[in-house]
Amino acid sequence: MKETLRRALRTFVQAALGCIAADLAAAAAGIARGEGAREIIVVLAASAVAAGIAAVMNLPKKDNKEDKDG
């Protein structure tokens, strides 16, 4: 479980940095304008969702011996 939490945190940081980099590139290109705190909250929420999905997908599979032996 500790490893799963570490991976989820790492994925959150990676997703947050990716979203921020994409947002900065869009602002620099004139595609989007920076809206301050609201934009940061949206970026962090998107990163949290991405990390949550990755954490669920990385959970170790439970090995159910009864199903295999049955």
N, C-alpha and C. Protein backbone atom coordinates (compact mmCIF):
# COMPACT_ATOMS: atom_id res chain seq x y z
N MET A 1 0.83 -1.20 0.00
CA MET A 1 0.00 0.00 0.00
C MET A 1 0.87 1.26 0.00
N LYS A 2 1.98 1.21 0.72
CA LYS A 2 2.88 2.36 0.78
C LYS A 2 3.45 2.68 -0.61
N GLU A 3 3.79 1.63 -1.35
CA GLU A 3 4.32 1.81 -2.70
C GLU A 3 3.26 2.42 -3.62
N THR A 4 2.02 2.00 -3.47
CA THR A 4 0.93 2.54 -4.28
C THR A 4 0.74 4.03 -4.01
N LEU A 5 0.80 4.41 -2.74
CA LEU A 5 0.67 5.84 -2.40
C LEU A 5 1.83 6.65 -2.95
N ARG A 6 3.04 6.09 -2.88
CA ARG A 6 4.21 6.78 -3.43
C ARG A 6 4.06 6.99 -4.93
N ARG A 7 3.59 5.94 -5.61
CA ARG A 7 3.39 6.05 -7.05
C ARG A 7 2.29 7.05 -7.39
N ALA A 8 1.22 7.06 -6.60
CA ALA A 8 0.14 8.01 -6.84
C ALA A 8 0.63 9.45 -6.67
N LEU A 9 1.42 9.69 -5.62
CA LEU A 9 1.97 11.03 -5.40
C LEU A 9 2.89 11.43 -6.54
N ARG A 10 3.72 10.51 -6.97
CA ARG A 10 4.64 10.78 -8.07
C ARG A 10 3.86 11.09 -9.36
N THR A 11 2.81 10.31 -9.61
CA THR A 11 1.97 10.54 -10.80
C THR A 11 1.29 11.90 -10.71
N PHE A 12 0.83 12.28 -9.50
CA PHE A 12 0.21 13.59 -9.31
C PHE A 12 1.18 14.70 -9.68
N VAL A 13 2.41 14.60 -9.18
CA VAL A 13 3.41 15.63 -9.47
C VAL A 13 3.70 15.69 -10.97
N GLN A 14 3.84 14.52 -11.60
CA GLN A 14 4.11 14.49 -13.04
C GLN A 14 2.95 15.11 -13.83
N ALA A 15 1.73 14.75 -13.47
CA ALA A 15 0.57 15.29 -14.17
C ALA A 15 0.45 16.79 -13.95
N ALA A 16 0.69 17.24 -12.72
CA ALA A 16 0.60 18.67 -12.42
C ALA A 16 1.64 19.45 -13.23
N LEU A 17 2.86 18.96 -13.26
CA LEU A 17 3.91 19.65 -14.02
C LEU A 17 3.59 19.64 -15.51
N GLY A 18 3.05 18.54 -16.01
CA GLY A 18 2.68 18.48 -17.42
C GLY A 18 1.57 19.46 -17.76
N CYS A 19 0.58 19.55 -16.89
CA CYS A 19 -0.52 20.50 -17.12
C CYS A 19 -0.03 21.94 -17.06
N ILE A 20 0.83 22.23 -16.11
CA ILE A 20 1.37 23.58 -15.98
C ILE A 20 2.22 23.94 -17.20
N ALA A 21 3.05 23.00 -17.65
CA ALA A 21 3.89 23.24 -18.83
C ALA A 21 3.02 23.50 -20.06
N ALA A 22 1.98 22.69 -20.24
CA ALA A 22 1.09 22.87 -21.38
C ALA A 22 0.36 24.21 -21.30
N ASP A 23 -0.06 24.59 -20.10
CA ASP A 23 -0.76 25.86 -19.91
C ASP A 23 0.17 27.04 -20.20
N LEU A 24 1.40 26.95 -19.73
CA LEU A 24 2.37 28.02 -20.00
C LEU A 24 2.67 28.14 -21.48
N ALA A 25 2.78 27.00 -22.16
CA ALA A 25 3.04 27.01 -23.60
C ALA A 25 1.86 27.63 -24.35
N ALA A 26 0.64 27.29 -23.93
CA ALA A 26 -0.54 27.85 -24.58
C ALA A 26 -0.63 29.36 -24.35
N ALA A 27 -0.30 29.79 -23.14
CA ALA A 27 -0.32 31.22 -22.83
C ALA A 27 0.75 31.96 -23.63
N ALA A 28 1.93 31.35 -23.76
CA ALA A 28 3.01 31.98 -24.51
C ALA A 28 2.66 32.08 -26.00
N ALA A 29 1.90 31.13 -26.50
CA ALA A 29 1.52 31.13 -27.91
C ALA A 29 0.31 32.02 -28.17
N GLY A 30 -0.31 32.53 -27.11
CA GLY A 30 -1.47 33.39 -27.26
C GLY A 30 -2.77 32.62 -27.42
N ILE A 31 -2.72 31.31 -27.21
CA ILE A 31 -3.92 30.48 -27.34
C ILE A 31 -4.81 30.63 -26.12
N ALA A 32 -4.19 30.70 -24.94
CA ALA A 32 -4.94 30.82 -23.69
C ALA A 32 -4.38 31.99 -22.90
N ARG A 33 -5.18 32.49 -22.00
CA ARG A 33 -4.70 33.57 -21.14
C ARG A 33 -4.68 33.06 -19.69
N GLY A 34 -3.71 33.46 -18.95
CA GLY A 34 -3.61 33.04 -17.56
C GLY A 34 -4.70 33.67 -16.73
N GLU A 35 -5.42 32.84 -15.97
CA GLU A 35 -6.50 33.36 -15.14
C GLU A 35 -6.21 33.22 -13.66
N GLY A 36 -4.96 33.00 -13.30
CA GLY A 36 -4.56 32.98 -11.90
C GLY A 36 -5.02 31.78 -11.12
N ALA A 37 -5.62 32.02 -9.96
CA ALA A 37 -5.95 30.97 -9.00
C ALA A 37 -6.94 29.96 -9.57
N ARG A 38 -7.90 30.42 -10.31
CA ARG A 38 -8.90 29.49 -10.87
C ARG A 38 -8.23 28.47 -11.79
N GLU A 39 -7.32 28.93 -12.60
CA GLU A 39 -6.61 28.06 -13.52
C GLU A 39 -5.74 27.06 -12.76
N ILE A 40 -5.11 27.49 -11.71
CA ILE A 40 -4.27 26.60 -10.90
C ILE A 40 -5.11 25.51 -10.25
N ILE A 41 -6.29 25.88 -9.76
CA ILE A 41 -7.18 24.90 -9.13
C ILE A 41 -7.62 23.85 -10.14
N VAL A 42 -7.94 24.27 -11.36
CA VAL A 42 -8.34 23.33 -12.40
C VAL A 42 -7.18 22.39 -12.75
N VAL A 43 -5.99 22.93 -12.85
CA VAL A 43 -4.81 22.12 -13.16
C VAL A 43 -4.58 21.09 -12.06
N LEU A 44 -4.65 21.51 -10.81
CA LEU A 44 -4.43 20.58 -9.70
C LEU A 44 -5.54 19.53 -9.61
N ALA A 45 -6.77 19.92 -9.91
CA ALA A 45 -7.87 18.94 -9.91
C ALA A 45 -7.67 17.91 -11.01
N ALA A 46 -7.29 18.35 -12.18
CA ALA A 46 -7.03 17.41 -13.28
C ALA A 46 -5.88 16.47 -12.93
N SER A 47 -4.87 16.99 -12.28
CA SER A 47 -3.73 16.17 -11.87
C SER A 47 -4.15 15.15 -10.81
N ALA A 48 -4.99 15.57 -9.90
CA ALA A 48 -5.47 14.65 -8.86
C ALA A 48 -6.28 13.51 -9.46
N VAL A 49 -7.13 13.83 -10.43
CA VAL A 49 -7.91 12.79 -11.10
C VAL A 49 -6.99 11.83 -11.84
N ALA A 50 -6.00 12.36 -12.55
CA ALA A 50 -5.05 11.51 -13.27
C ALA A 50 -4.29 10.60 -12.30
N ALA A 51 -3.86 11.15 -11.18
CA ALA A 51 -3.13 10.35 -10.20
C ALA A 51 -4.03 9.28 -9.58
N GLY A 52 -5.29 9.63 -9.32
CA GLY A 52 -6.22 8.65 -8.77
C GLY A 52 -6.48 7.50 -9.72
N ILE A 53 -6.66 7.82 -10.99
CA ILE A 53 -6.87 6.77 -11.99
C ILE A 53 -5.63 5.88 -12.08
N ALA A 54 -4.46 6.49 -12.11
CA ALA A 54 -3.22 5.71 -12.18
C ALA A 54 -3.03 4.84 -10.94
N ALA A 55 -3.38 5.36 -9.77
CA ALA A 55 -3.23 4.58 -8.54
C ALA A 55 -4.15 3.37 -8.55
N VAL A 56 -5.38 3.55 -9.00
CA VAL A 56 -6.31 2.43 -9.07
C VAL A 56 -5.82 1.39 -10.08
N MET A 57 -5.32 1.86 -11.20
CA MET A 57 -4.84 0.93 -12.21
C MET A 57 -3.58 0.19 -11.77
N ASN A 58 -2.80 0.78 -10.86
CA ASN A 58 -1.56 0.16 -10.40
C ASN A 58 -1.73 -0.67 -9.13
N LEU A 59 -2.96 -0.77 -8.62
CA LEU A 59 -3.16 -1.60 -7.43
C LEU A 59 -2.80 -3.04 -7.76
N PRO A 60 -2.12 -3.71 -6.83
CA PRO A 60 -1.79 -5.12 -7.09
C PRO A 60 -3.05 -5.96 -7.14
N LYS A 61 -3.05 -6.93 -8.05
CA LYS A 61 -4.21 -7.81 -8.17
C LYS A 61 -4.22 -8.78 -7.01
N LYS A 62 -5.41 -9.02 -6.47
CA LYS A 62 -5.56 -9.98 -5.38
C LYS A 62 -5.56 -11.37 -6.00
N ASP A 63 -4.76 -12.25 -5.41
CA ASP A 63 -4.66 -13.60 -5.90
C ASP A 63 -5.62 -14.48 -5.12
N ASN A 64 -6.69 -14.90 -5.76
CA ASN A 64 -7.70 -15.69 -5.11
C ASN A 64 -7.49 -17.16 -5.45
N LYS A 65 -6.88 -17.92 -4.53
CA LYS A 65 -6.53 -19.31 -4.79
C LYS A 65 -7.77 -20.20 -4.92
N GLU A 66 -8.86 -19.84 -4.25
CA GLU A 66 -10.07 -20.66 -4.31
C GLU A 66 -10.63 -20.72 -5.72
N ASP A 67 -10.55 -19.60 -6.45
CA ASP A 67 -11.05 -19.57 -7.81
C ASP A 67 -10.18 -20.41 -8.74
N LYS A 68 -8.88 -20.43 -8.49
CA LYS A 68 -7.95 -21.18 -9.34
C LYS A 68 -8.06 -22.69 -9.07
N ASP A 69 -8.24 -23.05 -7.80
CA ASP A 69 -8.28 -24.47 -7.45
C ASP A 69 -9.62 -25.11 -7.78
N GLY A 70 -10.69 -24.29 -7.74
CA GLY A 70 -12.07 -24.77 -7.89
C GLY A 70 -12.34 -25.34 -9.19
